[in-house]
Amino acid sequence: MSDLATQKKWDSAAALFDLIGGFGPEKRWRPHKRRLFSRMEGKVLFLAVGTGLDISCFPPGQDITGIDISPKMLAKAKPRADAYAGSMTLRPMDVHEMDFADHAFDQAYTSCTFCSVPDPVRGLTALRRVLKPGGALRMFEHTGSRYFPFRPMLDLMNPLLRTLGPEINRDTAANVRAAGFHVDRVTNIFLDVVKTIEATAPLR
């Protein structure tokens, strides 16, 4: 059963999501996202597609399934998915309860997603299940920091921001490892807070 509290939270955010996230942050991070997404191939799962702001960064000609827990987010994403120069399907779905077959996808991508998944290790384990052995997980994420003064600042702000949507002090790379992936590369984009994480599902 889908997490109705999380669904309601993101349904409520849908109306203003593009206004808040679609200008400064998108412009700043777009080159890094394009670089990461340029390696899409095979059957691709894109987790938490939201209102579809990332779709313009996707390379053309791909076979992509985008999921999101929020139907209202997906309604805003639909025109962008319809305009994508490839095959893109949108489905309302909770990452914890995905109904895809085992090993259904060659790759999975995320974009500022695992700050908001309620049970990140469980969600990542579910992603591992639907990836083929040796399949790629590629993530653009913001995380906690190891460094002073950022670490205590993020810890202090996190309880408030959690009520609005994201958590800002998670160790997502550690969560990826805990879910059974092999972490191949972590690349810091802004300090050690915004980063890309590249991982591989185990072969067996």
C-alpha atoms as a PDB file:
ATOM      1  CA  MET A   1       0.000   0.000   0.000  1.00  0.00           C
ATOM      2  CA  SER A   2       1.289   3.443  -0.901  1.00  0.00           C
ATOM      3  CA  ASP A   3       2.444   5.811   1.865  1.00  0.00           C
ATOM      4  CA  LEU A   4      -0.574   8.134   1.900  1.00  0.00           C
ATOM      5  CA  ALA A   5       1.056  10.714   4.181  1.00  0.00           C
ATOM      6  CA  THR A   6       4.005  11.091   1.812  1.00  0.00           C
ATOM      7  CA  GLN A   7       1.695  11.160  -1.190  1.00  0.00           C
ATOM      8  CA  LYS A   8      -0.385  13.926   0.383  1.00  0.00           C
ATOM      9  CA  LYS A   9       2.730  15.958   1.222  1.00  0.00           C
ATOM     10  CA  TRP A  10       3.967  15.899  -2.373  1.00  0.00           C
ATOM     11  CA  ASP A  11       0.507  16.399  -3.845  1.00  0.00           C
ATOM     12  CA  SER A  12       0.353  19.593  -1.773  1.00  0.00           C
ATOM     13  CA  ALA A  13       3.773  20.683  -3.045  1.00  0.00           C
ATOM     14  CA  ALA A  14       2.929  20.145  -6.720  1.00  0.00           C
ATOM     15  CA  ALA A  15       1.256  23.505  -7.317  1.00  0.00           C
ATOM     16  CA  LEU A  16       4.342  25.559  -6.388  1.00  0.00           C
ATOM     17  CA  PHE A  17       7.072  23.042  -7.140  1.00  0.00           C
ATOM     18  CA  ASP A  18       8.136  24.525 -10.485  1.00  0.00           C
ATOM     19  CA  LEU A  19       8.126  28.065  -9.062  1.00  0.00           C
ATOM     20  CA  ILE A  20      10.383  27.099  -6.172  1.00  0.00           C
ATOM     21  CA  GLY A  21      12.691  24.635  -7.904  1.00  0.00           C
ATOM     22  CA  GLY A  22      12.510  25.466 -11.570  1.00  0.00           C
ATOM     23  CA  PHE A  23      14.747  28.510 -11.851  1.00  0.00           C
ATOM     24  CA  GLY A  24      17.892  29.036  -9.756  1.00  0.00           C
ATOM     25  CA  PRO A  25      18.493  25.442  -8.633  1.00  0.00           C
ATOM     26  CA  GLU A  26      17.623  23.931 -12.010  1.00  0.00           C
ATOM     27  CA  LYS A  27      19.843  26.363 -13.921  1.00  0.00           C
ATOM     28  CA  ARG A  28      22.748  25.802 -11.538  1.00  0.00           C
ATOM     29  CA  TRP A  29      22.659  22.011 -11.551  1.00  0.00           C
ATOM     30  CA  ARG A  30      21.523  21.413 -15.135  1.00  0.00           C
ATOM     31  CA  PRO A  31      25.025  20.860 -16.654  1.00  0.00           C
ATOM     32  CA  HIS A  32      25.844  18.256 -14.007  1.00  0.00           C
ATOM     33  CA  LYS A  33      22.528  16.471 -14.495  1.00  0.00           C
ATOM     34  CA  ARG A  34      22.935  16.451 -18.286  1.00  0.00           C
ATOM     35  CA  ARG A  35      26.366  14.879 -17.885  1.00  0.00           C
ATOM     36  CA  LEU A  36      25.036  12.178 -15.566  1.00  0.00           C
ATOM     37  CA  PHE A  37      21.896  11.453 -17.591  1.00  0.00           C
ATOM     38  CA  SER A  38      23.835  11.360 -20.880  1.00  0.00           C
ATOM     39  CA  ARG A  39      24.797   7.762 -20.040  1.00  0.00           C
ATOM     40  CA  MET A  40      21.238   6.444 -20.139  1.00  0.00           C
ATOM     41  CA  GLU A  41      20.837   3.240 -22.124  1.00  0.00           C
ATOM     42  CA  GLY A  42      18.617   0.166 -22.227  1.00  0.00           C
ATOM     43  CA  LYS A  43      15.451   0.133 -20.130  1.00  0.00           C
ATOM     44  CA  VAL A  44      15.695   3.048 -17.707  1.00  0.00           C
ATOM     45  CA  LEU A  45      13.774   3.671 -14.492  1.00  0.00           C
ATOM     46  CA  PHE A  46      13.664   7.278 -13.299  1.00  0.00           C
ATOM     47  CA  LEU A  47      12.555   7.495  -9.699  1.00  0.00           C
ATOM     48  CA  ALA A  48      10.520  10.461  -8.387  1.00  0.00           C
ATOM     49  CA  VAL A  49      10.121  12.241 -11.700  1.00  0.00           C
ATOM     50  CA  GLY A  50       8.083  14.949  -9.950  1.00  0.00           C
ATOM     51  CA  THR A  51       6.767  17.623 -12.310  1.00  0.00           C
ATOM     52  CA  GLY A  52       9.233  16.530 -14.975  1.00  0.00           C
ATOM     53  CA  LEU A  53      11.770  19.342 -14.685  1.00  0.00           C
ATOM     54  CA  ASP A  54      14.596  16.850 -15.301  1.00  0.00           C
ATOM     55  CA  ILE A  55      13.124  15.519 -18.540  1.00  0.00           C
ATOM     56  CA  SER A  56      14.713  18.309 -20.583  1.00  0.00           C
ATOM     57  CA  CYS A  57      18.107  16.972 -19.426  1.00  0.00           C
ATOM     58  CA  PHE A  58      17.474  13.453 -20.777  1.00  0.00           C
ATOM     59  CA  PRO A  59      19.275  12.355 -23.954  1.00  0.00           C
ATOM     60  CA  PRO A  60      16.877  11.660 -26.833  1.00  0.00           C
ATOM     61  CA  GLY A  61      15.812   8.236 -28.016  1.00  0.00           C
ATOM     62  CA  GLN A  62      15.708   6.446 -24.666  1.00  0.00           C
ATOM     63  CA  ASP A  63      13.149   4.014 -23.203  1.00  0.00           C
ATOM     64  CA  ILE A  64      12.302   5.552 -19.816  1.00  0.00           C
ATOM     65  CA  THR A  65       9.734   4.728 -17.159  1.00  0.00           C
ATOM     66  CA  GLY A  66       9.215   7.559 -14.679  1.00  0.00           C
ATOM     67  CA  ILE A  67       7.488   6.943 -11.371  1.00  0.00           C
ATOM     68  CA  ASP A  68       6.340   9.242  -8.594  1.00  0.00           C
ATOM     69  CA  ILE A  69       4.258   8.779  -5.468  1.00  0.00           C
ATOM     70  CA  SER A  70       2.262  11.942  -6.244  1.00  0.00           C
ATOM     71  CA  PRO A  71      -0.441  11.843  -8.948  1.00  0.00           C
ATOM     72  CA  LYS A  72      -0.560  15.646  -8.921  1.00  0.00           C
ATOM     73  CA  MET A  73       3.162  15.822  -9.659  1.00  0.00           C
ATOM     74  CA  LEU A  74       2.701  13.353 -12.514  1.00  0.00           C
ATOM     75  CA  ALA A  75      -0.155  15.401 -13.972  1.00  0.00           C
ATOM     76  CA  LYS A  76       2.251  18.329 -14.286  1.00  0.00           C
ATOM     77  CA  ALA A  77       4.966  16.065 -15.707  1.00  0.00           C
ATOM     78  CA  LYS A  78       2.758  14.575 -18.415  1.00  0.00           C
ATOM     79  CA  PRO A  79       3.149  17.362 -21.035  1.00  0.00           C
ATOM     80  CA  ARG A  80       6.921  17.202 -20.613  1.00  0.00           C
ATOM     81  CA  ALA A  81       6.932  13.419 -20.910  1.00  0.00           C
ATOM     82  CA  ASP A  82       4.682  13.594 -23.992  1.00  0.00           C
ATOM     83  CA  ALA A  83       7.119  16.049 -25.604  1.00  0.00           C
ATOM     84  CA  TYR A  84      10.198  13.912 -24.868  1.00  0.00           C
ATOM     85  CA  ALA A  85      12.007  12.774 -28.027  1.00  0.00           C
ATOM     86  CA  GLY A  86      11.907   9.104 -27.111  1.00  0.00           C
ATOM     87  CA  SER A  87       9.664   6.663 -25.257  1.00  0.00           C
ATOM     88  CA  MET A  88       8.595   7.806 -21.800  1.00  0.00           C
ATOM     89  CA  THR A  89       5.896   6.283 -19.611  1.00  0.00           C
ATOM     90  CA  LEU A  90       4.725   7.770 -16.313  1.00  0.00           C
ATOM     91  CA  ARG A  91       3.267   5.668 -13.500  1.00  0.00           C
ATOM     92  CA  PRO A  92       2.082   6.591  -9.991  1.00  0.00           C
ATOM     93  CA  MET A  93       4.063   4.361  -7.658  1.00  0.00           C
ATOM     94  CA  ASP A  94       5.725   4.239  -4.252  1.00  0.00           C
ATOM     95  CA  VAL A  95       9.355   3.098  -4.491  1.00  0.00           C
ATOM     96  CA  HIS A  96       8.835   0.897  -1.433  1.00  0.00           C
ATOM     97  CA  GLU A  97       5.995  -0.970  -3.167  1.00  0.00           C
ATOM     98  CA  MET A  98       6.989  -1.140  -6.843  1.00  0.00           C
ATOM     99  CA  ASP A  99       5.102  -3.753  -8.866  1.00  0.00           C
ATOM    100  CA  PHE A 100       7.766  -4.220 -11.537  1.00  0.00           C
ATOM    101  CA  ALA A 101       9.183  -7.685 -12.102  1.00  0.00           C
ATOM    102  CA  ASP A 102      12.589  -8.545 -10.711  1.00  0.00           C
ATOM    103  CA  HIS A 103      15.474  -7.410 -12.951  1.00  0.00           C
ATOM    104  CA  ALA A 104      13.140  -5.358 -15.194  1.00  0.00           C
ATOM    105  CA  PHE A 105      15.536  -2.435 -15.785  1.00  0.00           C
ATOM    106  CA  ASP A 106      19.083  -1.942 -17.012  1.00  0.00           C
ATOM    107  CA  GLN A 107      19.564   1.354 -15.184  1.00  0.00           C
ATOM    108  CA  ALA A 108      17.919   3.474 -12.494  1.00  0.00           C
ATOM    109  CA  TYR A 109      18.357   7.237 -12.036  1.00  0.00           C
ATOM    110  CA  THR A 110      17.448   9.627  -9.230  1.00  0.00           C
ATOM    111  CA  SER A 111      17.563  13.387  -8.875  1.00  0.00           C
ATOM    112  CA  CYS A 112      17.361  14.879  -5.360  1.00  0.00           C
ATOM    113  CA  THR A 113      15.177  11.937  -4.391  1.00  0.00           C
ATOM    114  CA  PHE A 114      16.636  10.028  -1.473  1.00  0.00           C
ATOM    115  CA  CYS A 115      16.476  13.057   0.784  1.00  0.00           C
ATOM    116  CA  SER A 116      12.709  12.473   0.768  1.00  0.00           C
ATOM    117  CA  VAL A 117      12.143   8.709   0.600  1.00  0.00           C
ATOM    118  CA  PRO A 118      10.802   7.816   4.082  1.00  0.00           C
ATOM    119  CA  ASP A 119      12.851   4.615   4.420  1.00  0.00           C
ATOM    120  CA  PRO A 120      15.883   5.179   2.188  1.00  0.00           C
ATOM    121  CA  VAL A 121      17.601   1.802   2.633  1.00  0.00           C
ATOM    122  CA  ARG A 122      14.356  -0.046   2.005  1.00  0.00           C
ATOM    123  CA  GLY A 123      13.710   2.109  -1.065  1.00  0.00           C
ATOM    124  CA  LEU A 124      17.205   1.482  -2.407  1.00  0.00           C
ATOM    125  CA  THR A 125      16.846  -2.243  -1.770  1.00  0.00           C
ATOM    126  CA  ALA A 126      13.630  -2.147  -3.813  1.00  0.00           C
ATOM    127  CA  LEU A 127      15.536  -0.425  -6.624  1.00  0.00           C
ATOM    128  CA  ARG A 128      18.179  -3.153  -6.493  1.00  0.00           C
ATOM    129  CA  ARG A 129      15.464  -5.780  -6.903  1.00  0.00           C
ATOM    130  CA  VAL A 130      14.149  -4.265 -10.155  1.00  0.00           C
ATOM    131  CA  LEU A 131      17.630  -3.732 -11.614  1.00  0.00           C
ATOM    132  CA  LYS A 132      19.315  -6.444 -13.630  1.00  0.00           C
ATOM    133  CA  PRO A 133      22.428  -7.960 -12.024  1.00  0.00           C
ATOM    134  CA  GLY A 134      25.235  -5.561 -12.816  1.00  0.00           C
ATOM    135  CA  GLY A 135      22.715  -2.802 -13.569  1.00  0.00           C
ATOM    136  CA  ALA A 136      23.673   0.821 -12.969  1.00  0.00           C
ATOM    137  CA  LEU A 137      22.290   3.153 -10.311  1.00  0.00           C
ATOM    138  CA  ARG A 138      23.148   6.802 -10.988  1.00  0.00           C
ATOM    139  CA  MET A 139      22.085   9.490  -8.555  1.00  0.00           C
ATOM    140  CA  PHE A 140      22.220  13.284  -8.331  1.00  0.00           C
ATOM    141  CA  GLU A 141      21.599  13.985  -4.647  1.00  0.00           C
ATOM    142  CA  HIS A 142      22.074  16.432  -1.818  1.00  0.00           C
ATOM    143  CA  THR A 143      23.251  14.930   1.453  1.00  0.00           C
ATOM    144  CA  GLY A 144      24.618  15.734   4.844  1.00  0.00           C
ATOM    145  CA  SER A 145      28.163  16.987   5.278  1.00  0.00           C
ATOM    146  CA  ARG A 146      31.161  15.650   7.185  1.00  0.00           C
ATOM    147  CA  TYR A 147      32.607  19.111   7.742  1.00  0.00           C
ATOM    148  CA  PHE A 148      32.209  21.886  10.298  1.00  0.00           C
ATOM    149  CA  PRO A 149      30.205  24.134  10.324  1.00  0.00           C
ATOM    150  CA  PHE A 150      27.978  22.535   7.691  1.00  0.00           C
ATOM    151  CA  ARG A 151      27.321  19.295   9.564  1.00  0.00           C
ATOM    152  CA  PRO A 152      25.841  20.902  12.727  1.00  0.00           C
ATOM    153  CA  MET A 153      23.984  23.485  10.640  1.00  0.00           C
ATOM    154  CA  LEU A 154      22.294  20.810   8.538  1.00  0.00           C
ATOM    155  CA  ASP A 155      21.512  18.730  11.627  1.00  0.00           C
ATOM    156  CA  LEU A 156      19.921  21.766  13.262  1.00  0.00           C
ATOM    157  CA  MET A 157      17.790  22.656  10.227  1.00  0.00           C
ATOM    158  CA  ASN A 158      16.715  19.111   9.404  1.00  0.00           C
ATOM    159  CA  PRO A 159      13.730  18.716  11.809  1.00  0.00           C
ATOM    160  CA  LEU A 160      12.016  21.769  10.306  1.00  0.00           C
ATOM    161  CA  LEU A 161      12.739  20.933   6.676  1.00  0.00           C
ATOM    162  CA  ARG A 162      11.606  17.329   7.189  1.00  0.00           C
ATOM    163  CA  THR A 163       8.056  18.631   7.738  1.00  0.00           C
ATOM    164  CA  LEU A 164       8.177  20.429   4.359  1.00  0.00           C
ATOM    165  CA  GLY A 165       9.568  17.532   2.348  1.00  0.00           C
ATOM    166  CA  PRO A 166      13.282  16.723   2.261  1.00  0.00           C
ATOM    167  CA  GLU A 167      15.781  15.713   4.890  1.00  0.00           C
ATOM    168  CA  ILE A 168      19.120  17.429   4.438  1.00  0.00           C
ATOM    169  CA  ASN A 169      21.561  15.459   6.551  1.00  0.00           C
ATOM    170  CA  ARG A 170      21.378  11.906   5.209  1.00  0.00           C
ATOM    171  CA  ASP A 171      24.449   9.861   4.297  1.00  0.00           C
ATOM    172  CA  THR A 172      23.047   8.612   0.999  1.00  0.00           C
ATOM    173  CA  ALA A 173      26.237   6.928  -0.186  1.00  0.00           C
ATOM    174  CA  ALA A 174      26.270   4.855   3.011  1.00  0.00           C
ATOM    175  CA  ASN A 175      22.597   3.999   2.461  1.00  0.00           C
ATOM    176  CA  VAL A 176      23.401   2.811  -1.070  1.00  0.00           C
ATOM    177  CA  ARG A 177      26.040   0.468   0.335  1.00  0.00           C
ATOM    178  CA  ALA A 178      23.669  -0.727   3.074  1.00  0.00           C
ATOM    179  CA  ALA A 179      21.136  -1.655   0.357  1.00  0.00           C
ATOM    180  CA  GLY A 180      23.647  -4.035  -1.201  1.00  0.00           C
ATOM    181  CA  PHE A 181      25.027  -1.949  -4.071  1.00  0.00           C
ATOM    182  CA  HIS A 182      28.704  -1.555  -4.897  1.00  0.00           C
ATOM    183  CA  VAL A 183      29.496   2.186  -4.899  1.00  0.00           C
ATOM    184  CA  ASP A 184      31.789   2.854  -7.845  1.00  0.00           C
ATOM    185  CA  ARG A 185      32.230   6.594  -7.618  1.00  0.00           C
ATOM    186  CA  VAL A 186      31.100   9.591  -5.555  1.00  0.00           C
ATOM    187  CA  THR A 187      31.728  12.978  -7.148  1.00  0.00           C
ATOM    188  CA  ASN A 188      31.252  16.135  -5.120  1.00  0.00           C
ATOM    189  CA  ILE A 189      29.567  18.959  -7.037  1.00  0.00           C
ATOM    190  CA  PHE A 190      29.175  21.553  -4.274  1.00  0.00           C
ATOM    191  CA  LEU A 191      31.363  20.979  -1.209  1.00  0.00           C
ATOM    192  CA  ASP A 192      30.410  17.465  -0.064  1.00  0.00           C
ATOM    193  CA  VAL A 193      26.696  18.327   0.066  1.00  0.00           C
ATOM    194  CA  VAL A 194      25.599  18.103  -3.582  1.00  0.00           C
ATOM    195  CA  LYS A 195      27.067  15.070  -5.316  1.00  0.00           C
ATOM    196  CA  THR A 196      26.633  12.318  -7.845  1.00  0.00           C
ATOM    197  CA  ILE A 197      26.719   8.709  -6.709  1.00  0.00           C
ATOM    198  CA  GLU A 198      27.363   5.925  -9.215  1.00  0.00           C
ATOM    199  CA  ALA A 199      26.747   2.362  -8.087  1.00  0.00           C
ATOM    200  CA  THR A 200      26.275  -1.134  -9.493  1.00  0.00           C
ATOM    201  CA  ALA A 201      23.812  -3.850  -8.524  1.00  0.00           C
ATOM    202  CA  PRO A 202      25.551  -7.079  -7.490  1.00  0.00           C
ATOM    203  CA  LEU A 203      25.930  -9.779 -10.110  1.00  0.00           C
ATOM    204  CA  ARG A 204      24.298 -12.374  -7.861  1.00  0.00           C
END
